[in-house]
Amino acid sequence: MRISDFWRLMDDEFGAGYSRVLSRSLVLSGAGGRTAEQALGAGVPPRQVWLAVCDVQDVPTERRLGRDVKPR
């Protein structure tokens, strides 16, 4: 997963504004006790950070891969 995929998933799940608030304020035990922004900056893989966010925020398993986008 790339960092751009991480942000797309965050925005899809939480909204563009709230996803930025969460990434700066929510401490993730699954990312070494850091916020998402700190973890990404420290080189933690975006997938690990995303799954840590999902665990803390109780994102259902069926939404952890993102929303389905219909092809044009």
PDB file of N, CA and C in Angstrom:
ATOM      1  N   MET A   1       0.843  -1.172   0.000  1.00  0.00           N
ATOM      2  CA  MET A   1       0.000   0.000   0.000  1.00  0.00           C
ATOM      3  C   MET A   1       0.893   1.242   0.000  1.00  0.00           C
ATOM      4  N   ARG A   2       0.518   2.216  -0.807  1.00  0.00           N
ATOM      5  CA  ARG A   2       1.234   3.488  -0.839  1.00  0.00           C
ATOM      6  C   ARG A   2       0.575   4.471   0.123  1.00  0.00           C
ATOM      7  N   ILE A   3       1.296   5.525   0.446  1.00  0.00           N
ATOM      8  CA  ILE A   3       0.749   6.542   1.351  1.00  0.00           C
ATOM      9  C   ILE A   3      -0.489   7.173   0.735  1.00  0.00           C
ATOM     10  N   SER A   4      -0.512   7.333  -0.587  1.00  0.00           N
ATOM     11  CA  SER A   4      -1.701   7.902  -1.237  1.00  0.00           C
ATOM     12  C   SER A   4      -2.916   6.992  -1.034  1.00  0.00           C
ATOM     13  N   ASP A   5      -2.704   5.680  -1.034  1.00  0.00           N
ATOM     14  CA  ASP A   5      -3.805   4.745  -0.761  1.00  0.00           C
ATOM     15  C   ASP A   5      -4.286   4.883   0.680  1.00  0.00           C
ATOM     16  N   PHE A   6      -3.336   5.058   1.591  1.00  0.00           N
ATOM     17  CA  PHE A   6      -3.687   5.259   2.994  1.00  0.00           C
ATOM     18  C   PHE A   6      -4.624   6.460   3.138  1.00  0.00           C
ATOM     19  N   TRP A   7      -4.245   7.583   2.529  1.00  0.00           N
ATOM     20  CA  TRP A   7      -5.068   8.791   2.657  1.00  0.00           C
ATOM     21  C   TRP A   7      -6.423   8.644   1.966  1.00  0.00           C
ATOM     22  N   ARG A   8      -6.457   7.929   0.856  1.00  0.00           N
ATOM     23  CA  ARG A   8      -7.749   7.689   0.188  1.00  0.00           C
ATOM     24  C   ARG A   8      -8.666   6.891   1.098  1.00  0.00           C
ATOM     25  N   LEU A   9      -8.131   5.834   1.720  1.00  0.00           N
ATOM     26  CA  LEU A   9      -8.929   5.021   2.635  1.00  0.00           C
ATOM     27  C   LEU A   9      -9.390   5.841   3.843  1.00  0.00           C
ATOM     28  N   MET A  10      -8.493   6.653   4.386  1.00  0.00           N
ATOM     29  CA  MET A  10      -8.862   7.505   5.529  1.00  0.00           C
ATOM     30  C   MET A  10      -9.986   8.464   5.143  1.00  0.00           C
ATOM     31  N   ASP A  11      -9.834   9.133   3.993  1.00  0.00           N
ATOM     32  CA  ASP A  11     -10.843  10.094   3.548  1.00  0.00           C
ATOM     33  C   ASP A  11     -12.173   9.413   3.255  1.00  0.00           C
ATOM     34  N   ASP A  12     -12.138   8.239   2.639  1.00  0.00           N
ATOM     35  CA  ASP A  12     -13.369   7.511   2.326  1.00  0.00           C
ATOM     36  C   ASP A  12     -14.094   7.087   3.603  1.00  0.00           C
ATOM     37  N   GLU A  13     -13.345   6.657   4.595  1.00  0.00           N
ATOM     38  CA  GLU A  13     -13.967   6.136   5.820  1.00  0.00           C
ATOM     39  C   GLU A  13     -14.404   7.247   6.772  1.00  0.00           C
ATOM     40  N   PHE A  14     -13.593   8.285   6.918  1.00  0.00           N
ATOM     41  CA  PHE A  14     -13.847   9.282   7.961  1.00  0.00           C
ATOM     42  C   PHE A  14     -14.154  10.677   7.442  1.00  0.00           C
ATOM     43  N   GLY A  15     -14.005  10.893   6.146  1.00  0.00           N
ATOM     44  CA  GLY A  15     -14.191  12.231   5.592  1.00  0.00           C
ATOM     45  C   GLY A  15     -12.858  12.961   5.555  1.00  0.00           C
ATOM     46  N   ALA A  16     -12.718  13.861   4.588  1.00  0.00           N
ATOM     47  CA  ALA A  16     -11.434  14.529   4.371  1.00  0.00           C
ATOM     48  C   ALA A  16     -10.971  15.338   5.574  1.00  0.00           C
ATOM     49  N   GLY A  17     -11.865  16.043   6.216  1.00  0.00           N
ATOM     50  CA  GLY A  17     -11.474  16.867   7.369  1.00  0.00           C
ATOM     51  C   GLY A  17     -11.163  16.053   8.608  1.00  0.00           C
ATOM     52  N   TYR A  18     -12.065  15.149   8.958  1.00  0.00           N
ATOM     53  CA  TYR A  18     -11.893  14.365  10.179  1.00  0.00           C
ATOM     54  C   TYR A  18     -10.726  13.397  10.077  1.00  0.00           C
ATOM     55  N   SER A  19     -10.433  12.905   8.875  1.00  0.00           N
ATOM     56  CA  SER A  19      -9.309  11.976   8.729  1.00  0.00           C
ATOM     57  C   SER A  19      -7.996  12.656   9.106  1.00  0.00           C
ATOM     58  N   ARG A  20      -7.871  13.948   8.818  1.00  0.00           N
ATOM     59  CA  ARG A  20      -6.652  14.685   9.180  1.00  0.00           C
ATOM     60  C   ARG A  20      -6.577  14.895  10.687  1.00  0.00           C
ATOM     61  N   VAL A  21      -7.713  15.146  11.321  1.00  0.00           N
ATOM     62  CA  VAL A  21      -7.741  15.295  12.774  1.00  0.00           C
ATOM     63  C   VAL A  21      -7.331  13.979  13.435  1.00  0.00           C
ATOM     64  N   LEU A  22      -7.905  12.872  12.972  1.00  0.00           N
ATOM     65  CA  LEU A  22      -7.549  11.564  13.528  1.00  0.00           C
ATOM     66  C   LEU A  22      -6.070  11.262  13.342  1.00  0.00           C
ATOM     67  N   SER A  23      -5.548  11.567  12.173  1.00  0.00           N
ATOM     68  CA  SER A  23      -4.152  11.220  11.886  1.00  0.00           C
ATOM     69  C   SER A  23      -3.177  11.991  12.772  1.00  0.00           C
ATOM     70  N   ARG A  24      -3.597  13.167  13.254  1.00  0.00           N
ATOM     71  CA  ARG A  24      -2.729  13.976  14.113  1.00  0.00           C
ATOM     72  C   ARG A  24      -2.950  13.738  15.598  1.00  0.00           C
ATOM     73  N   SER A  25      -4.114  13.196  15.979  1.00  0.00           N
ATOM     74  CA  SER A  25      -4.429  13.145  17.407  1.00  0.00           C
ATOM     75  C   SER A  25      -4.633  11.749  17.986  1.00  0.00           C
ATOM     76  N   LEU A  26      -4.980  10.784  17.173  1.00  0.00           N
ATOM     77  CA  LEU A  26      -5.280   9.443  17.664  1.00  0.00           C
ATOM     78  C   LEU A  26      -3.991   8.641  17.826  1.00  0.00           C
ATOM     79  N   VAL A  27      -3.691   8.225  19.059  1.00  0.00           N
ATOM     80  CA  VAL A  27      -2.492   7.439  19.329  1.00  0.00           C
ATOM     81  C   VAL A  27      -2.808   5.970  19.072  1.00  0.00           C
ATOM     82  N   LEU A  28      -1.943   5.329  18.300  1.00  0.00           N
ATOM     83  CA  LEU A  28      -2.178   3.959  17.839  1.00  0.00           C
ATOM     84  C   LEU A  28      -1.176   3.007  18.481  1.00  0.00           C
ATOM     85  N   SER A  29      -1.665   2.097  19.299  1.00  0.00           N
ATOM     86  CA  SER A  29      -0.762   1.114  19.903  1.00  0.00           C
ATOM     87  C   SER A  29      -0.170   0.199  18.826  1.00  0.00           C
ATOM     88  N   GLY A  30      -0.914  -0.051  17.769  1.00  0.00           N
ATOM     89  CA  GLY A  30      -0.437  -0.899  16.682  1.00  0.00           C
ATOM     90  C   GLY A  30       0.605  -0.231  15.806  1.00  0.00           C
ATOM     91  N   ALA A  31       0.903   1.032  16.101  1.00  0.00           N
ATOM     92  CA  ALA A  31       1.931   1.771  15.352  1.00  0.00           C
ATOM     93  C   ALA A  31       2.982   2.317  16.313  1.00  0.00           C
ATOM     94  N   GLY A  32       3.217   1.572  17.370  1.00  0.00           N
ATOM     95  CA  GLY A  32       4.272   1.957  18.306  1.00  0.00           C
ATOM     96  C   GLY A  32       3.924   3.100  19.233  1.00  0.00           C
ATOM     97  N   GLY A  33       2.632   3.290  19.511  1.00  0.00           N
ATOM     98  CA  GLY A  33       2.223   4.367  20.414  1.00  0.00           C
ATOM     99  C   GLY A  33       2.369   5.746  19.805  1.00  0.00           C
ATOM    100  N   ARG A  34       2.293   5.817  18.486  1.00  0.00           N
ATOM    101  CA  ARG A  34       2.403   7.086  17.765  1.00  0.00           C
ATOM    102  C   ARG A  34       1.090   7.404  17.071  1.00  0.00           C
ATOM    103  N   THR A  35       0.964   8.635  16.650  1.00  0.00           N
ATOM    104  CA  THR A  35      -0.171   8.986  15.802  1.00  0.00           C
ATOM    105  C   THR A  35       0.113   8.460  14.406  1.00  0.00           C
ATOM    106  N   ALA A  36      -0.896   8.458  13.553  1.00  0.00           N
ATOM    107  CA  ALA A  36      -0.713   7.993  12.179  1.00  0.00           C
ATOM    108  C   ALA A  36       0.329   8.837  11.459  1.00  0.00           C
ATOM    109  N   GLU A  37       0.272  10.161  11.622  1.00  0.00           N
ATOM    110  CA  GLU A  37       1.250  11.026  10.961  1.00  0.00           C
ATOM    111  C   GLU A  37       2.662  10.741  11.446  1.00  0.00           C
ATOM    112  N   GLN A  38       2.827  10.559  12.754  1.00  0.00           N
ATOM    113  CA  GLN A  38       4.148  10.261  13.302  1.00  0.00           C
ATOM    114  C   GLN A  38       4.648   8.911  12.788  1.00  0.00           C
ATOM    115  N   ALA A  39       3.761   7.920  12.769  1.00  0.00           N
ATOM    116  CA  ALA A  39       4.150   6.582  12.325  1.00  0.00           C
ATOM    117  C   ALA A  39       4.563   6.593  10.856  1.00  0.00           C
ATOM    118  N   LEU A  40       3.786   7.255  10.020  1.00  0.00           N
ATOM    119  CA  LEU A  40       4.133   7.337   8.602  1.00  0.00           C
ATOM    120  C   LEU A  40       5.456   8.064   8.415  1.00  0.00           C
ATOM    121  N   GLY A  41       5.653   9.135   9.176  1.00  0.00           N
ATOM    122  CA  GLY A  41       6.902   9.884   9.104  1.00  0.00           C
ATOM    123  C   GLY A  41       8.111   9.076   9.559  1.00  0.00           C
ATOM    124  N   ALA A  42       7.870   8.116  10.470  1.00  0.00           N
ATOM    125  CA  ALA A  42       8.947   7.272  10.986  1.00  0.00           C
ATOM    126  C   ALA A  42       9.192   6.049  10.101  1.00  0.00           C
ATOM    127  N   GLY A  43       8.411   5.923   9.038  1.00  0.00           N
ATOM    128  CA  GLY A  43       8.636   4.820   8.111  1.00  0.00           C
ATOM    129  C   GLY A  43       7.814   3.567   8.361  1.00  0.00           C
ATOM    130  N   VAL A  44       6.835   3.640   9.256  1.00  0.00           N
ATOM    131  CA  VAL A  44       5.955   2.489   9.465  1.00  0.00           C
ATOM    132  C   VAL A  44       5.138   2.305   8.184  1.00  0.00           C
ATOM    133  N   PRO A  45       5.018   1.082   7.685  1.00  0.00           N
ATOM    134  CA  PRO A  45       4.277   0.858   6.440  1.00  0.00           C
ATOM    135  C   PRO A  45       2.831   1.374   6.535  1.00  0.00           C
ATOM    136  N   PRO A  46       2.374   2.062   5.492  1.00  0.00           N
ATOM    137  CA  PRO A  46       1.018   2.614   5.505  1.00  0.00           C
ATOM    138  C   PRO A  46      -0.061   1.569   5.801  1.00  0.00           C
ATOM    139  N   ARG A  47       0.102   0.358   5.319  1.00  0.00           N
ATOM    140  CA  ARG A  47      -0.891  -0.695   5.591  1.00  0.00           C
ATOM    141  C   ARG A  47      -0.995  -0.980   7.088  1.00  0.00           C
ATOM    142  N   GLN A  48       0.150  -1.052   7.761  1.00  0.00           N
ATOM    143  CA  GLN A  48       0.151  -1.294   9.209  1.00  0.00           C
ATOM    144  C   GLN A  48      -0.530  -0.146   9.944  1.00  0.00           C
ATOM    145  N   VAL A  49      -0.280   1.072   9.508  1.00  0.00           N
ATOM    146  CA  VAL A  49      -0.906   2.242  10.140  1.00  0.00           C
ATOM    147  C   VAL A  49      -2.413   2.210   9.900  1.00  0.00           C
ATOM    148  N   TRP A  50      -2.824   1.916   8.667  1.00  0.00           N
ATOM    149  CA  TRP A  50      -4.253   1.851   8.340  1.00  0.00           C
ATOM    150  C   TRP A  50      -4.958   0.804   9.194  1.00  0.00           C
ATOM    151  N   LEU A  51      -4.372  -0.376   9.305  1.00  0.00           N
ATOM    152  CA  LEU A  51      -4.994  -1.434  10.108  1.00  0.00           C
ATOM    153  C   LEU A  51      -5.038  -1.058  11.581  1.00  0.00           C
ATOM    154  N   ALA A  52      -4.034  -0.334  12.058  1.00  0.00           N
ATOM    155  CA  ALA A  52      -4.044   0.133  13.448  1.00  0.00           C
ATOM    156  C   ALA A  52      -5.183   1.133  13.666  1.00  0.00           C
ATOM    157  N   VAL A  53      -5.391   2.031  12.696  1.00  0.00           N
ATOM    158  CA  VAL A  53      -6.515   2.974  12.775  1.00  0.00           C
ATOM    159  C   VAL A  53      -7.835   2.198  12.785  1.00  0.00           C
ATOM    160  N   CYS A  54      -7.950   1.225  11.908  1.00  0.00           N
ATOM    161  CA  CYS A  54      -9.172   0.421  11.828  1.00  0.00           C
ATOM    162  C   CYS A  54      -9.465  -0.278  13.153  1.00  0.00           C
ATOM    163  N   ASP A  55      -8.433  -0.815  13.778  1.00  0.00           N
ATOM    164  CA  ASP A  55      -8.621  -1.505  15.058  1.00  0.00           C
ATOM    165  C   ASP A  55      -9.121  -0.558  16.135  1.00  0.00           C
ATOM    166  N   VAL A  56      -8.505   0.603  16.242  1.00  0.00           N
ATOM    167  CA  VAL A  56      -8.876   1.564  17.287  1.00  0.00           C
ATOM    168  C   VAL A  56     -10.269   2.139  17.034  1.00  0.00           C
ATOM    169  N   GLN A  57     -10.593   2.380  15.778  1.00  0.00           N
ATOM    170  CA  GLN A  57     -11.866   3.011  15.428  1.00  0.00           C
ATOM    171  C   GLN A  57     -12.976   1.999  15.137  1.00  0.00           C
ATOM    172  N   ASP A  58     -12.710   0.724  15.328  1.00  0.00           N
ATOM    173  CA  ASP A  58     -13.706  -0.334  15.093  1.00  0.00           C
ATOM    174  C   ASP A  58     -14.297  -0.305  13.684  1.00  0.00           C
ATOM    175  N   VAL A  59     -13.440  -0.112  12.696  1.00  0.00           N
ATOM    176  CA  VAL A  59     -13.890  -0.163  11.308  1.00  0.00           C
ATOM    177  C   VAL A  59     -14.189  -1.631  10.985  1.00  0.00           C
ATOM    178  N   PRO A  60     -15.401  -1.930  10.511  1.00  0.00           N
ATOM    179  CA  PRO A  60     -15.749  -3.321  10.194  1.00  0.00           C
ATOM    180  C   PRO A  60     -14.817  -3.918   9.138  1.00  0.00           C
ATOM    181  N   THR A  61     -14.587  -5.200   9.249  1.00  0.00           N
ATOM    182  CA  THR A  61     -13.693  -5.912   8.343  1.00  0.00           C
ATOM    183  C   THR A  61     -14.064  -5.671   6.882  1.00  0.00           C
ATOM    184  N   GLU A  62     -15.351  -5.645   6.572  1.00  0.00           N
ATOM    185  CA  GLU A  62     -15.770  -5.499   5.177  1.00  0.00           C
ATOM    186  C   GLU A  62     -15.461  -4.113   4.601  1.00  0.00           C
ATOM    187  N   ARG A  63     -15.105  -3.131   5.444  1.00  0.00           N
ATOM    188  CA  ARG A  63     -14.766  -1.796   4.944  1.00  0.00           C
ATOM    189  C   ARG A  63     -13.274  -1.507   5.003  1.00  0.00           C
ATOM    190  N   ARG A  64     -12.481  -2.444   5.444  1.00  0.00           N
ATOM    191  CA  ARG A  64     -11.044  -2.189   5.592  1.00  0.00           C
ATOM    192  C   ARG A  64     -10.293  -2.162   4.271  1.00  0.00           C
ATOM    193  N   LEU A  65     -10.898  -2.650   3.213  1.00  0.00           N
ATOM    194  CA  LEU A  65     -10.271  -2.577   1.895  1.00  0.00           C
ATOM    195  C   LEU A  65     -10.731  -1.358   1.114  1.00  0.00           C
ATOM    196  N   GLY A  66     -11.589  -0.562   1.704  1.00  0.00           N
ATOM    197  CA  GLY A  66     -12.106   0.640   1.042  1.00  0.00           C
ATOM    198  C   GLY A  66     -13.441   0.363   0.382  1.00  0.00           C
ATOM    199  N   ARG A  67     -14.027   1.422  -0.105  1.00  0.00           N
ATOM    200  CA  ARG A  67     -15.329   1.283  -0.744  1.00  0.00           C
ATOM    201  C   ARG A  67     -15.169   0.798  -2.172  1.00  0.00           C
ATOM    202  N   ASP A  68     -16.169   0.128  -2.658  1.00  0.00           N
ATOM    203  CA  ASP A  68     -16.177  -0.328  -4.042  1.00  0.00           C
ATOM    204  C   ASP A  68     -16.444   0.867  -4.954  1.00  0.00           C
ATOM    205  N   VAL A  69     -15.626   0.991  -5.959  1.00  0.00           N
ATOM    206  CA  VAL A  69     -15.808   2.048  -6.944  1.00  0.00           C
ATOM    207  C   VAL A  69     -16.172   1.386  -8.264  1.00  0.00           C
ATOM    208  N   LYS A  70     -17.320   1.770  -8.798  1.00  0.00           N
ATOM    209  CA  LYS A  70     -17.773   1.187 -10.064  1.00  0.00           C
ATOM    210  C   LYS A  70     -16.947   1.751 -11.213  1.00  0.00           C
ATOM    211  N   PRO A  71     -16.530   0.881 -12.128  1.00  0.00           N
ATOM    212  CA  PRO A  71     -15.770   1.373 -13.292  1.00  0.00           C
ATOM    213  C   PRO A  71     -16.638   2.243 -14.169  1.00  0.00           C
ATOM    214  N   ARG A  72     -15.995   3.163 -14.845  1.00  0.00           N
ATOM    215  CA  ARG A  72     -16.750   4.088 -15.721  1.00  0.00           C
ATOM    216  C   ARG A  72     -17.018   3.450 -17.056  1.00  0.00           C
TER     217      ARG A  72
END
